[in-house]
Amino acid sequence: MIKIPQIKEAERPAILFSGGKDSLLLLDEARKLRPDITVIHFYDHLQPQVERIIKLWDLDVLSWRPSARFLIPWDDGIALSREYSFGDGYLPVVQDVEVGGDCEVERLLLARTPYFDYPFDKTIWGYKAGDERHPVMGKPFPIAFGLGPTLMIAPLYHWTDEEVLDEIGKRNIPYEPFSDQVHMCEKCFLYLGDWDRESSLQFFARRYGFREAA
């Protein structure tokens, strides 16, 4: 059973929706409790699977550009952090960058939203403590934490992937997995030059103080 007591008392609730299994299950439950909940989708373009859900469930979706995009080194790879403004708070969305294939660098340089006056008092998202985290993210997010003007709440925090998939099956929710990996061509990769990997990772860790475990 999914428990979201905070959503009933919220004046202006919102939900972060990526289209993945966790946010999909949470959105199905949240719409029953608060049909007026605002759905927020962060990605620069809609995956076909996500677009189908939006049309099927007749969703109105809010989105805004990141306040910043920057690359982070880790091991022998690269990650892209898209940093979103929640008033004076910031949330990083980290994706792997694969070198090779069709280059998406132009998408990394799209217009920014340096400051978004986030109007929602409580925001739920499909984060789980046991989620596989990108190496640059370190410790798990807390089950609830303040981010700018909103309270971030993770109702599925103690769930497992198997439990989520089982519940999706019971509810007959149309779920299709997809990859959110970003591609960069060899030419653009060579333009990056040398960087101090340790300093870059330390900067990233210091920037997000709310990442300490609950």
N, C-alpha and C. Protein backbone atom coordinates (compact mmCIF):
# COMPACT_ATOMS: atom_id res chain seq x y z
N MET A 1 0.84 -1.20 0.00
CA MET A 1 0.00 0.00 0.00
C MET A 1 0.88 1.25 0.00
N ILE A 2 0.59 2.19 -0.89
CA ILE A 2 1.35 3.42 -0.97
C ILE A 2 0.71 4.45 -0.04
N LYS A 3 1.50 4.98 0.88
CA LYS A 3 1.00 5.97 1.83
C LYS A 3 1.53 7.35 1.47
N ILE A 4 0.62 8.28 1.18
CA ILE A 4 1.00 9.65 0.87
C ILE A 4 0.11 10.59 1.68
N PRO A 5 0.22 10.58 3.01
CA PRO A 5 -0.67 11.43 3.81
C PRO A 5 -0.45 12.92 3.55
N GLN A 6 0.79 13.31 3.23
CA GLN A 6 1.10 14.73 3.06
C GLN A 6 0.38 15.35 1.86
N ILE A 7 0.04 14.53 0.88
CA ILE A 7 -0.52 15.09 -0.35
C ILE A 7 -1.95 15.61 -0.14
N LYS A 8 -2.67 15.01 0.80
CA LYS A 8 -4.05 15.44 1.05
C LYS A 8 -4.11 16.81 1.70
N GLU A 9 -3.11 17.10 2.54
CA GLU A 9 -3.11 18.37 3.27
C GLU A 9 -2.37 19.47 2.53
N ALA A 10 -1.72 19.13 1.41
CA ALA A 10 -0.94 20.13 0.67
C ALA A 10 -1.86 21.16 0.02
N GLU A 11 -1.46 22.41 0.06
CA GLU A 11 -2.22 23.45 -0.62
C GLU A 11 -2.01 23.37 -2.13
N ARG A 12 -0.75 23.17 -2.56
CA ARG A 12 -0.43 23.07 -3.98
C ARG A 12 0.56 21.92 -4.17
N PRO A 13 0.05 20.70 -4.34
CA PRO A 13 0.94 19.55 -4.50
C PRO A 13 1.44 19.40 -5.93
N ALA A 14 2.62 18.80 -6.06
CA ALA A 14 3.18 18.51 -7.38
C ALA A 14 3.86 17.15 -7.33
N ILE A 15 4.08 16.56 -8.51
CA ILE A 15 4.78 15.28 -8.60
C ILE A 15 5.79 15.36 -9.73
N LEU A 16 7.02 14.86 -9.47
CA LEU A 16 8.03 14.77 -10.51
C LEU A 16 7.79 13.47 -11.28
N PHE A 17 7.67 13.57 -12.58
CA PHE A 17 7.30 12.43 -13.41
C PHE A 17 8.31 12.26 -14.54
N SER A 18 9.11 11.18 -14.46
CA SER A 18 10.09 10.89 -15.51
C SER A 18 9.54 9.94 -16.56
N GLY A 19 8.51 9.17 -16.20
CA GLY A 19 8.00 8.13 -17.08
C GLY A 19 8.55 6.77 -16.73
N GLY A 20 9.51 6.73 -15.78
CA GLY A 20 10.02 5.45 -15.30
C GLY A 20 9.01 4.75 -14.41
N LYS A 21 9.31 3.51 -14.05
CA LYS A 21 8.34 2.68 -13.32
C LYS A 21 7.92 3.29 -11.99
N ASP A 22 8.87 3.88 -11.27
CA ASP A 22 8.56 4.41 -9.94
C ASP A 22 7.63 5.62 -10.02
N SER A 23 7.98 6.57 -10.87
CA SER A 23 7.14 7.77 -10.98
C SER A 23 5.79 7.44 -11.62
N LEU A 24 5.77 6.42 -12.47
CA LEU A 24 4.52 6.01 -13.11
C LEU A 24 3.54 5.44 -12.08
N LEU A 25 4.05 4.56 -11.22
CA LEU A 25 3.21 3.99 -10.16
C LEU A 25 2.74 5.08 -9.20
N LEU A 26 3.65 5.96 -8.83
CA LEU A 26 3.31 7.02 -7.89
C LEU A 26 2.28 7.98 -8.48
N LEU A 27 2.40 8.28 -9.77
CA LEU A 27 1.44 9.16 -10.42
C LEU A 27 0.06 8.53 -10.45
N ASP A 28 -0.01 7.24 -10.70
CA ASP A 28 -1.30 6.54 -10.71
C ASP A 28 -2.00 6.68 -9.37
N GLU A 29 -1.24 6.55 -8.28
CA GLU A 29 -1.82 6.67 -6.93
C GLU A 29 -2.16 8.12 -6.61
N ALA A 30 -1.25 9.03 -6.95
CA ALA A 30 -1.43 10.44 -6.59
C ALA A 30 -2.67 11.03 -7.27
N ARG A 31 -2.93 10.65 -8.49
CA ARG A 31 -4.09 11.20 -9.23
C ARG A 31 -5.40 10.77 -8.59
N LYS A 32 -5.40 9.63 -7.90
CA LYS A 32 -6.61 9.19 -7.21
C LYS A 32 -6.85 10.04 -5.97
N LEU A 33 -5.77 10.41 -5.29
CA LEU A 33 -5.89 11.19 -4.06
C LEU A 33 -6.09 12.67 -4.33
N ARG A 34 -5.36 13.18 -5.34
CA ARG A 34 -5.45 14.59 -5.68
C ARG A 34 -5.47 14.75 -7.21
N PRO A 35 -6.67 14.69 -7.79
CA PRO A 35 -6.76 14.84 -9.24
C PRO A 35 -6.18 16.16 -9.75
N ASP A 36 -6.06 17.14 -8.86
CA ASP A 36 -5.56 18.46 -9.26
C ASP A 36 -4.03 18.56 -9.17
N ILE A 37 -3.33 17.48 -8.86
CA ILE A 37 -1.89 17.54 -8.67
C ILE A 37 -1.19 17.97 -9.97
N THR A 38 -0.18 18.82 -9.83
CA THR A 38 0.58 19.29 -10.99
C THR A 38 1.67 18.28 -11.33
N VAL A 39 1.73 17.89 -12.59
CA VAL A 39 2.71 16.91 -13.06
C VAL A 39 3.89 17.64 -13.70
N ILE A 40 5.11 17.34 -13.23
CA ILE A 40 6.30 18.02 -13.72
C ILE A 40 7.22 17.01 -14.40
N HIS A 41 7.57 17.29 -15.65
CA HIS A 41 8.45 16.41 -16.43
C HIS A 41 9.66 17.22 -16.87
N PHE A 42 10.87 16.76 -16.50
CA PHE A 42 12.06 17.57 -16.66
C PHE A 42 12.80 17.45 -18.00
N TYR A 43 12.60 16.38 -18.71
CA TYR A 43 13.51 16.10 -19.83
C TYR A 43 13.33 17.08 -20.98
N ASP A 44 14.41 17.27 -21.76
CA ASP A 44 14.40 18.23 -22.85
C ASP A 44 13.50 17.80 -24.01
N HIS A 45 13.25 16.50 -24.13
CA HIS A 45 12.31 16.03 -25.14
C HIS A 45 11.57 14.82 -24.58
N LEU A 46 10.39 14.55 -25.13
CA LEU A 46 9.57 13.46 -24.62
C LEU A 46 9.97 12.14 -25.28
N GLN A 47 10.23 11.15 -24.46
CA GLN A 47 10.38 9.80 -24.97
C GLN A 47 9.02 9.33 -25.50
N PRO A 48 9.00 8.52 -26.58
CA PRO A 48 7.70 8.05 -27.11
C PRO A 48 6.84 7.37 -26.05
N GLN A 49 7.48 6.58 -25.16
CA GLN A 49 6.72 5.88 -24.12
C GLN A 49 6.05 6.87 -23.17
N VAL A 50 6.77 7.95 -22.85
CA VAL A 50 6.23 8.96 -21.94
C VAL A 50 5.10 9.74 -22.62
N GLU A 51 5.29 10.07 -23.88
CA GLU A 51 4.26 10.80 -24.63
C GLU A 51 2.97 10.00 -24.70
N ARG A 52 3.09 8.68 -24.83
CA ARG A 52 1.89 7.83 -24.89
C ARG A 52 1.13 7.89 -23.56
N ILE A 53 1.86 7.89 -22.44
CA ILE A 53 1.20 7.97 -21.13
C ILE A 53 0.51 9.31 -20.96
N ILE A 54 1.17 10.38 -21.38
CA ILE A 54 0.58 11.72 -21.27
C ILE A 54 -0.73 11.80 -22.05
N LYS A 55 -0.76 11.23 -23.24
CA LYS A 55 -1.97 11.24 -24.05
C LYS A 55 -3.03 10.31 -23.48
N LEU A 56 -2.60 9.12 -23.03
CA LEU A 56 -3.53 8.12 -22.51
C LEU A 56 -4.23 8.62 -21.25
N TRP A 57 -3.48 9.28 -20.37
CA TRP A 57 -4.03 9.76 -19.11
C TRP A 57 -4.46 11.23 -19.18
N ASP A 58 -4.37 11.82 -20.35
CA ASP A 58 -4.81 13.20 -20.59
C ASP A 58 -4.18 14.15 -19.56
N LEU A 59 -2.85 14.10 -19.49
CA LEU A 59 -2.12 14.89 -18.49
C LEU A 59 -1.75 16.27 -19.02
N ASP A 60 -1.83 17.26 -18.16
CA ASP A 60 -1.20 18.56 -18.40
C ASP A 60 0.14 18.53 -17.69
N VAL A 61 1.21 18.76 -18.44
CA VAL A 61 2.55 18.59 -17.90
C VAL A 61 3.31 19.91 -17.89
N LEU A 62 3.93 20.22 -16.75
CA LEU A 62 4.76 21.41 -16.60
C LEU A 62 6.22 21.02 -16.77
N SER A 63 7.01 21.90 -17.42
CA SER A 63 8.44 21.66 -17.55
C SER A 63 9.15 22.99 -17.68
N TRP A 64 10.41 23.03 -17.30
CA TRP A 64 11.23 24.22 -17.53
C TRP A 64 12.67 23.79 -17.75
N ARG A 65 13.44 24.67 -18.38
CA ARG A 65 14.83 24.35 -18.71
C ARG A 65 15.69 24.30 -17.44
N PRO A 66 16.78 23.56 -17.47
CA PRO A 66 17.72 23.57 -16.33
C PRO A 66 18.33 24.95 -16.14
N SER A 67 18.73 25.25 -14.92
CA SER A 67 19.43 26.50 -14.67
C SER A 67 20.87 26.41 -15.16
N ALA A 68 21.39 25.19 -15.21
CA ALA A 68 22.76 24.97 -15.69
C ALA A 68 22.92 23.52 -16.13
N ARG A 69 23.84 23.31 -17.04
CA ARG A 69 24.25 21.95 -17.44
C ARG A 69 25.75 21.90 -17.35
N PHE A 70 26.28 20.86 -16.72
CA PHE A 70 27.72 20.73 -16.70
C PHE A 70 28.11 19.26 -16.68
N LEU A 71 29.31 18.99 -17.19
CA LEU A 71 29.83 17.63 -17.28
C LEU A 71 30.67 17.31 -16.05
N ILE A 72 30.59 16.06 -15.60
CA ILE A 72 31.31 15.62 -14.42
C ILE A 72 32.10 14.36 -14.78
N PRO A 73 33.38 14.29 -14.45
CA PRO A 73 34.14 13.06 -14.69
C PRO A 73 33.88 12.04 -13.60
N TRP A 74 33.88 10.78 -13.95
CA TRP A 74 33.85 9.73 -12.93
C TRP A 74 34.49 8.48 -13.53
N ASP A 75 35.42 7.88 -12.79
CA ASP A 75 36.19 6.76 -13.29
C ASP A 75 36.73 7.11 -14.68
N ASP A 76 36.39 6.28 -15.68
CA ASP A 76 36.82 6.56 -17.05
C ASP A 76 35.70 7.16 -17.89
N GLY A 77 34.60 7.52 -17.25
CA GLY A 77 33.45 7.99 -18.01
C GLY A 77 33.13 9.45 -17.74
N ILE A 78 31.99 9.89 -18.28
CA ILE A 78 31.51 11.26 -18.12
C ILE A 78 30.03 11.20 -17.77
N ALA A 79 29.60 12.09 -16.90
CA ALA A 79 28.18 12.24 -16.59
C ALA A 79 27.76 13.67 -16.90
N LEU A 80 26.51 13.83 -17.26
CA LEU A 80 25.92 15.15 -17.46
C LEU A 80 24.99 15.45 -16.31
N SER A 81 25.21 16.56 -15.64
CA SER A 81 24.29 17.01 -14.59
C SER A 81 23.47 18.16 -15.13
N ARG A 82 22.15 17.99 -15.10
CA ARG A 82 21.23 19.07 -15.44
C ARG A 82 20.67 19.58 -14.12
N GLU A 83 20.93 20.83 -13.81
CA GLU A 83 20.59 21.39 -12.51
C GLU A 83 19.33 22.25 -12.64
N TYR A 84 18.27 21.86 -11.91
CA TYR A 84 16.99 22.56 -12.00
C TYR A 84 16.77 23.45 -10.79
N SER A 85 16.27 24.65 -11.04
CA SER A 85 16.00 25.62 -9.99
C SER A 85 14.63 25.37 -9.36
N PHE A 86 14.61 25.27 -8.02
CA PHE A 86 13.37 25.24 -7.24
C PHE A 86 13.43 26.46 -6.34
N GLY A 87 13.08 27.63 -6.86
CA GLY A 87 13.31 28.85 -6.11
C GLY A 87 14.81 29.01 -5.90
N ASP A 88 15.22 29.11 -4.63
CA ASP A 88 16.65 29.23 -4.33
C ASP A 88 17.29 27.88 -4.02
N GLY A 89 16.58 26.78 -4.32
CA GLY A 89 17.15 25.44 -4.18
C GLY A 89 17.41 24.83 -5.54
N TYR A 90 18.29 23.83 -5.59
CA TYR A 90 18.65 23.23 -6.87
C TYR A 90 18.67 21.71 -6.74
N LEU A 91 18.14 21.05 -7.78
CA LEU A 91 18.10 19.59 -7.82
C LEU A 91 18.86 19.11 -9.05
N PRO A 92 19.89 18.24 -8.86
CA PRO A 92 20.62 17.72 -10.01
C PRO A 92 19.96 16.46 -10.57
N VAL A 93 19.88 16.38 -11.89
CA VAL A 93 19.44 15.16 -12.58
C VAL A 93 20.65 14.68 -13.37
N VAL A 94 21.19 13.52 -13.00
CA VAL A 94 22.45 13.04 -13.56
C VAL A 94 22.21 11.93 -14.58
N GLN A 95 22.84 12.06 -15.74
CA GLN A 95 22.74 11.06 -16.80
C GLN A 95 24.13 10.67 -17.27
N ASP A 96 24.28 9.40 -17.67
CA ASP A 96 25.53 8.96 -18.28
C ASP A 96 25.67 9.58 -19.67
N VAL A 97 26.91 9.85 -20.06
CA VAL A 97 27.21 10.31 -21.41
C VAL A 97 27.99 9.21 -22.12
N GLU A 98 27.49 8.77 -23.24
CA GLU A 98 28.19 7.76 -24.04
C GLU A 98 28.88 8.45 -25.21
N VAL A 99 30.17 8.22 -25.35
CA VAL A 99 30.93 8.81 -26.44
C VAL A 99 30.76 7.95 -27.68
N GLY A 100 30.26 8.57 -28.75
CA GLY A 100 29.98 7.85 -29.99
C GLY A 100 28.51 7.95 -30.34
N GLY A 101 28.21 7.70 -31.58
CA GLY A 101 26.82 7.76 -32.03
C GLY A 101 26.41 9.17 -32.40
N ASP A 102 25.10 9.38 -32.56
CA ASP A 102 24.58 10.70 -32.92
C ASP A 102 24.81 11.68 -31.78
N CYS A 103 25.46 12.79 -32.08
CA CYS A 103 25.84 13.75 -31.05
C CYS A 103 24.64 14.57 -30.58
N GLU A 104 24.50 14.72 -29.27
CA GLU A 104 23.42 15.50 -28.68
C GLU A 104 23.94 16.74 -27.96
N VAL A 105 25.15 17.17 -28.32
CA VAL A 105 25.76 18.31 -27.64
C VAL A 105 24.91 19.57 -27.77
N GLU A 106 24.29 19.76 -28.93
CA GLU A 106 23.44 20.95 -29.11
C GLU A 106 22.35 21.01 -28.05
N ARG A 107 21.85 19.84 -27.66
CA ARG A 107 20.81 19.79 -26.66
C ARG A 107 21.35 20.20 -25.28
N LEU A 108 22.65 20.06 -25.08
CA LEU A 108 23.25 20.46 -23.82
C LEU A 108 23.37 21.97 -23.71
N LEU A 109 23.21 22.67 -24.84
CA LEU A 109 23.43 24.10 -24.87
C LEU A 109 22.13 24.90 -25.02
N LEU A 110 21.01 24.24 -24.77
CA LEU A 110 19.72 24.91 -24.93
C LEU A 110 19.55 26.03 -23.90
N ALA A 111 18.56 26.89 -24.15
CA ALA A 111 18.30 28.02 -23.25
C ALA A 111 18.07 27.55 -21.81
N ARG A 112 18.47 28.41 -20.86
CA ARG A 112 18.39 28.08 -19.45
C ARG A 112 17.20 28.78 -18.78
N THR A 113 16.81 28.26 -17.63
CA THR A 113 15.90 28.96 -16.73
C THR A 113 16.67 29.16 -15.43
N PRO A 114 17.42 30.28 -15.31
CA PRO A 114 18.29 30.47 -14.14
C PRO A 114 17.54 30.42 -12.81
N TYR A 115 16.30 30.94 -12.79
CA TYR A 115 15.54 30.96 -11.54
C TYR A 115 14.08 30.66 -11.87
N PHE A 116 13.52 29.64 -11.20
CA PHE A 116 12.11 29.32 -11.37
C PHE A 116 11.43 29.48 -10.02
N ASP A 117 10.48 30.38 -9.94
CA ASP A 117 9.78 30.67 -8.68
C ASP A 117 8.79 29.55 -8.39
N TYR A 118 9.30 28.48 -7.83
CA TYR A 118 8.55 27.24 -7.64
C TYR A 118 7.35 27.46 -6.71
N PRO A 119 6.12 27.26 -7.19
CA PRO A 119 4.94 27.64 -6.40
C PRO A 119 4.30 26.51 -5.60
N PHE A 120 4.94 25.34 -5.52
CA PHE A 120 4.30 24.18 -4.90
C PHE A 120 4.87 23.93 -3.51
N ASP A 121 3.98 23.63 -2.54
CA ASP A 121 4.43 23.48 -1.16
C ASP A 121 4.93 22.08 -0.84
N LYS A 122 4.38 21.06 -1.52
CA LYS A 122 4.83 19.69 -1.32
C LYS A 122 5.00 19.01 -2.67
N THR A 123 6.11 18.32 -2.82
CA THR A 123 6.43 17.66 -4.08
C THR A 123 6.78 16.20 -3.81
N ILE A 124 6.07 15.29 -4.44
CA ILE A 124 6.40 13.87 -4.29
C ILE A 124 7.16 13.40 -5.52
N TRP A 125 8.03 12.42 -5.28
CA TRP A 125 8.79 11.86 -6.41
C TRP A 125 9.04 10.38 -6.15
N GLY A 126 9.38 9.66 -7.21
CA GLY A 126 9.49 8.20 -7.13
C GLY A 126 10.84 7.69 -6.70
N TYR A 127 11.56 8.47 -5.92
CA TYR A 127 12.89 8.06 -5.47
C TYR A 127 12.79 6.95 -4.43
N LYS A 128 13.72 5.98 -4.50
CA LYS A 128 13.79 4.89 -3.54
C LYS A 128 15.21 4.84 -2.95
N ALA A 129 15.31 4.52 -1.66
CA ALA A 129 16.62 4.47 -1.00
C ALA A 129 17.52 3.42 -1.63
N GLY A 130 16.92 2.36 -2.15
CA GLY A 130 17.70 1.28 -2.74
C GLY A 130 17.99 1.44 -4.22
N ASP A 131 17.61 2.59 -4.79
CA ASP A 131 17.87 2.81 -6.22
C ASP A 131 19.36 2.77 -6.50
N GLU A 132 19.71 2.25 -7.67
CA GLU A 132 21.11 2.30 -8.10
C GLU A 132 21.44 3.75 -8.43
N ARG A 133 22.37 4.32 -7.70
CA ARG A 133 22.73 5.72 -7.89
C ARG A 133 23.96 5.84 -8.77
N HIS A 134 23.99 6.93 -9.51
CA HIS A 134 25.19 7.22 -10.27
C HIS A 134 26.35 7.41 -9.30
N PRO A 135 27.55 6.95 -9.64
CA PRO A 135 28.69 7.07 -8.72
C PRO A 135 28.93 8.48 -8.20
N VAL A 136 28.60 9.52 -8.97
CA VAL A 136 28.87 10.88 -8.51
C VAL A 136 27.86 11.34 -7.46
N MET A 137 26.78 10.61 -7.27
CA MET A 137 25.73 11.07 -6.36
C MET A 137 25.98 10.73 -4.90
N GLY A 138 26.86 9.78 -4.62
CA GLY A 138 27.20 9.50 -3.23
C GLY A 138 26.05 8.90 -2.45
N LYS A 139 25.79 9.45 -1.25
CA LYS A 139 24.77 8.90 -0.35
C LYS A 139 23.36 9.10 -0.89
N PRO A 140 22.40 8.31 -0.38
CA PRO A 140 21.01 8.48 -0.83
C PRO A 140 20.44 9.83 -0.38
N PHE A 141 19.41 10.29 -1.10
CA PHE A 141 18.63 11.42 -0.61
C PHE A 141 17.88 10.98 0.65
N PRO A 142 17.51 11.90 1.53
CA PRO A 142 16.64 11.55 2.66
C PRO A 142 15.23 11.22 2.15
N ILE A 143 14.43 10.62 3.00
CA ILE A 143 13.05 10.31 2.63
C ILE A 143 12.24 11.59 2.44
N ALA A 144 12.62 12.65 3.15
CA ALA A 144 11.98 13.95 2.99
C ALA A 144 13.02 15.03 3.31
N PHE A 145 13.01 16.10 2.54
CA PHE A 145 13.94 17.20 2.79
C PHE A 145 13.40 18.47 2.14
N GLY A 146 13.82 19.60 2.66
CA GLY A 146 13.42 20.87 2.10
C GLY A 146 14.28 21.23 0.90
N LEU A 147 13.64 21.70 -0.15
CA LEU A 147 14.34 22.13 -1.35
C LEU A 147 13.73 23.46 -1.78
N GLY A 148 14.44 24.57 -1.49
CA GLY A 148 13.85 25.87 -1.77
C GLY A 148 12.54 26.02 -1.02
N PRO A 149 11.44 26.33 -1.72
CA PRO A 149 10.16 26.57 -1.05
C PRO A 149 9.32 25.32 -0.84
N THR A 150 9.80 24.15 -1.26
CA THR A 150 8.96 22.95 -1.21
C THR A 150 9.55 21.88 -0.31
N LEU A 151 8.68 20.95 0.11
CA LEU A 151 9.12 19.77 0.85
C LEU A 151 9.12 18.60 -0.13
N MET A 152 10.27 17.99 -0.35
CA MET A 152 10.38 16.82 -1.22
C MET A 152 10.08 15.57 -0.41
N ILE A 153 9.18 14.71 -0.93
CA ILE A 153 8.72 13.52 -0.21
C ILE A 153 8.82 12.31 -1.13
N ALA A 154 9.36 11.21 -0.61
CA ALA A 154 9.54 9.99 -1.40
C ALA A 154 8.69 8.85 -0.82
N PRO A 155 7.42 8.72 -1.21
CA PRO A 155 6.54 7.70 -0.63
C PRO A 155 7.00 6.26 -0.90
N LEU A 156 7.80 6.04 -1.96
CA LEU A 156 8.27 4.69 -2.29
C LEU A 156 9.65 4.41 -1.71
N TYR A 157 10.07 5.20 -0.76
CA TYR A 157 11.45 5.18 -0.26
C TYR A 157 11.92 3.78 0.13
N HIS A 158 11.08 2.99 0.77
CA HIS A 158 11.48 1.67 1.27
C HIS A 158 11.02 0.53 0.36
N TRP A 159 10.52 0.85 -0.81
CA TRP A 159 10.09 -0.17 -1.76
C TRP A 159 11.30 -0.72 -2.52
N THR A 160 11.12 -1.92 -3.09
CA THR A 160 12.12 -2.50 -3.99
C THR A 160 11.62 -2.41 -5.43
N ASP A 161 12.52 -2.59 -6.39
CA ASP A 161 12.11 -2.60 -7.80
C ASP A 161 11.08 -3.69 -8.05
N GLU A 162 11.28 -4.86 -7.43
CA GLU A 162 10.37 -5.98 -7.64
C GLU A 162 8.97 -5.64 -7.13
N GLU A 163 8.88 -4.98 -5.99
CA GLU A 163 7.58 -4.60 -5.44
C GLU A 163 6.88 -3.58 -6.34
N VAL A 164 7.65 -2.64 -6.88
CA VAL A 164 7.07 -1.64 -7.78
C VAL A 164 6.53 -2.31 -9.03
N LEU A 165 7.32 -3.18 -9.65
CA LEU A 165 6.90 -3.86 -10.88
C LEU A 165 5.68 -4.76 -10.62
N ASP A 166 5.65 -5.40 -9.47
CA ASP A 166 4.51 -6.25 -9.12
C ASP A 166 3.24 -5.41 -8.99
N GLU A 167 3.34 -4.26 -8.36
CA GLU A 167 2.17 -3.39 -8.18
C GLU A 167 1.72 -2.81 -9.52
N ILE A 168 2.67 -2.47 -10.38
CA ILE A 168 2.33 -1.98 -11.72
C ILE A 168 1.53 -3.04 -12.49
N GLY A 169 1.97 -4.30 -12.35
CA GLY A 169 1.26 -5.39 -13.02
C GLY A 169 -0.15 -5.58 -12.48
N LYS A 170 -0.31 -5.47 -11.15
CA LYS A 170 -1.63 -5.62 -10.54
C LYS A 170 -2.59 -4.53 -11.00
N ARG A 171 -2.05 -3.34 -11.24
CA ARG A 171 -2.89 -2.20 -11.64
C ARG A 171 -3.04 -2.09 -13.15
N ASN A 172 -2.38 -2.98 -13.88
CA ASN A 172 -2.43 -2.94 -15.36
C ASN A 172 -1.99 -1.58 -15.90
N ILE A 173 -0.94 -1.03 -15.31
CA ILE A 173 -0.40 0.25 -15.78
C ILE A 173 0.52 -0.01 -16.97
N PRO A 174 0.34 0.67 -18.08
CA PRO A 174 1.17 0.45 -19.27
C PRO A 174 2.58 1.01 -19.08
N TYR A 175 3.53 0.14 -18.80
CA TYR A 175 4.91 0.57 -18.54
C TYR A 175 5.85 0.00 -19.59
N GLU A 176 6.68 0.88 -20.17
CA GLU A 176 7.71 0.46 -21.13
C GLU A 176 9.04 1.08 -20.71
N PRO A 177 10.04 0.24 -20.40
CA PRO A 177 11.35 0.78 -20.01
C PRO A 177 11.98 1.56 -21.17
N PHE A 178 12.83 2.54 -20.83
CA PHE A 178 13.56 3.29 -21.85
C PHE A 178 14.87 3.78 -21.25
N SER A 179 15.81 4.16 -22.10
CA SER A 179 17.11 4.67 -21.67
C SER A 179 17.14 6.19 -21.80
N ASP A 180 17.77 6.85 -20.80
CA ASP A 180 17.88 8.31 -20.86
C ASP A 180 19.34 8.73 -21.06
N GLN A 181 20.15 7.83 -21.61
CA GLN A 181 21.56 8.12 -21.82
C GLN A 181 21.74 9.20 -22.88
N VAL A 182 22.74 10.06 -22.67
CA VAL A 182 23.07 11.13 -23.61
C VAL A 182 24.29 10.73 -24.43
N HIS A 183 24.30 11.10 -25.72
CA HIS A 183 25.41 10.75 -26.60
C HIS A 183 26.24 11.98 -26.97
N MET A 184 27.54 11.77 -27.08
CA MET A 184 28.47 12.82 -27.49
C MET A 184 29.42 12.24 -28.53
N CYS A 185 29.63 12.96 -29.63
CA CYS A 185 30.51 12.45 -30.68
C CYS A 185 31.97 12.55 -30.23
N GLU A 186 32.85 11.82 -30.90
CA GLU A 186 34.27 11.81 -30.57
C GLU A 186 34.87 13.21 -30.69
N LYS A 187 34.45 13.97 -31.70
CA LYS A 187 35.01 15.31 -31.92
C LYS A 187 34.73 16.22 -30.73
N CYS A 188 33.50 16.23 -30.25
CA CYS A 188 33.16 17.08 -29.10
C CYS A 188 33.88 16.60 -27.84
N PHE A 189 34.03 15.29 -27.71
CA PHE A 189 34.71 14.74 -26.55
C PHE A 189 36.16 15.22 -26.50
N LEU A 190 36.81 15.28 -27.66
CA LEU A 190 38.21 15.73 -27.71
C LEU A 190 38.34 17.20 -27.34
N TYR A 191 37.28 18.00 -27.54
CA TYR A 191 37.31 19.42 -27.20
C TYR A 191 37.33 19.66 -25.69
N LEU A 192 36.97 18.63 -24.91
CA LEU A 192 36.89 18.82 -23.47
C LEU A 192 38.25 19.11 -22.85
N GLY A 193 39.28 18.51 -23.41
CA GLY A 193 40.62 18.73 -22.88
C GLY A 193 40.81 18.08 -21.52
N ASP A 194 41.83 18.51 -20.81
CA ASP A 194 42.15 17.95 -19.50
C ASP A 194 41.37 18.68 -18.40
N TRP A 195 41.01 17.95 -17.35
CA TRP A 195 40.39 18.57 -16.20
C TRP A 195 40.84 17.86 -14.94
N ASP A 196 40.69 18.55 -13.83
CA ASP A 196 41.04 17.99 -12.53
C ASP A 196 39.83 17.20 -12.03
N ARG A 197 39.87 15.91 -12.20
CA ARG A 197 38.71 15.08 -11.88
C ARG A 197 38.33 15.17 -10.40
N GLU A 198 39.30 15.12 -9.52
CA GLU A 198 39.00 15.14 -8.10
C GLU A 198 38.35 16.46 -7.69
N SER A 199 38.86 17.57 -8.21
CA SER A 199 38.29 18.88 -7.88
C SER A 199 36.86 18.99 -8.40
N SER A 200 36.61 18.45 -9.58
CA SER A 200 35.26 18.48 -10.17
C SER A 200 34.28 17.72 -9.30
N LEU A 201 34.67 16.54 -8.83
CA LEU A 201 33.79 15.73 -8.00
C LEU A 201 33.56 16.38 -6.63
N GLN A 202 34.60 16.99 -6.06
CA GLN A 202 34.45 17.67 -4.78
C GLN A 202 33.50 18.86 -4.91
N PHE A 203 33.60 19.57 -6.02
CA PHE A 203 32.68 20.69 -6.27
C PHE A 203 31.24 20.20 -6.31
N PHE A 204 31.01 19.11 -7.02
CA PHE A 204 29.66 18.56 -7.14
C PHE A 204 29.12 18.15 -5.78
N ALA A 205 29.96 17.48 -4.97
CA ALA A 205 29.53 17.01 -3.66
C ALA A 205 29.19 18.17 -2.73
N ARG A 206 29.99 19.23 -2.76
CA ARG A 206 29.75 20.38 -1.88
C ARG A 206 28.51 21.17 -2.29
N ARG A 207 28.17 21.11 -3.56
CA ARG A 207 27.09 21.95 -4.07
C ARG A 207 25.72 21.52 -3.58
N TYR A 208 25.58 20.23 -3.24
CA TYR A 208 24.26 19.69 -2.88
C TYR A 208 24.26 19.17 -1.45
N GLY A 209 24.09 20.07 -0.51
CA GLY A 209 24.14 19.69 0.90
C GLY A 209 23.00 18.80 1.34
N PHE A 210 21.86 18.83 0.60
CA PHE A 210 20.72 18.03 1.01
C PHE A 210 20.90 16.56 0.71
N ARG A 211 22.04 16.15 0.15
CA ARG A 211 22.24 14.75 -0.25
C ARG A 211 22.65 13.86 0.91
N GLU A 212 22.78 14.40 2.13
CA GLU A 212 23.14 13.55 3.25
C GLU A 212 22.01 12.57 3.57
N ALA A 213 22.39 11.37 3.93
CA ALA A 213 21.38 10.34 4.20
C ALA A 213 20.54 10.69 5.42
N ALA A 214 19.30 10.24 5.41
CA ALA A 214 18.41 10.51 6.56
C ALA A 214 18.85 9.70 7.78
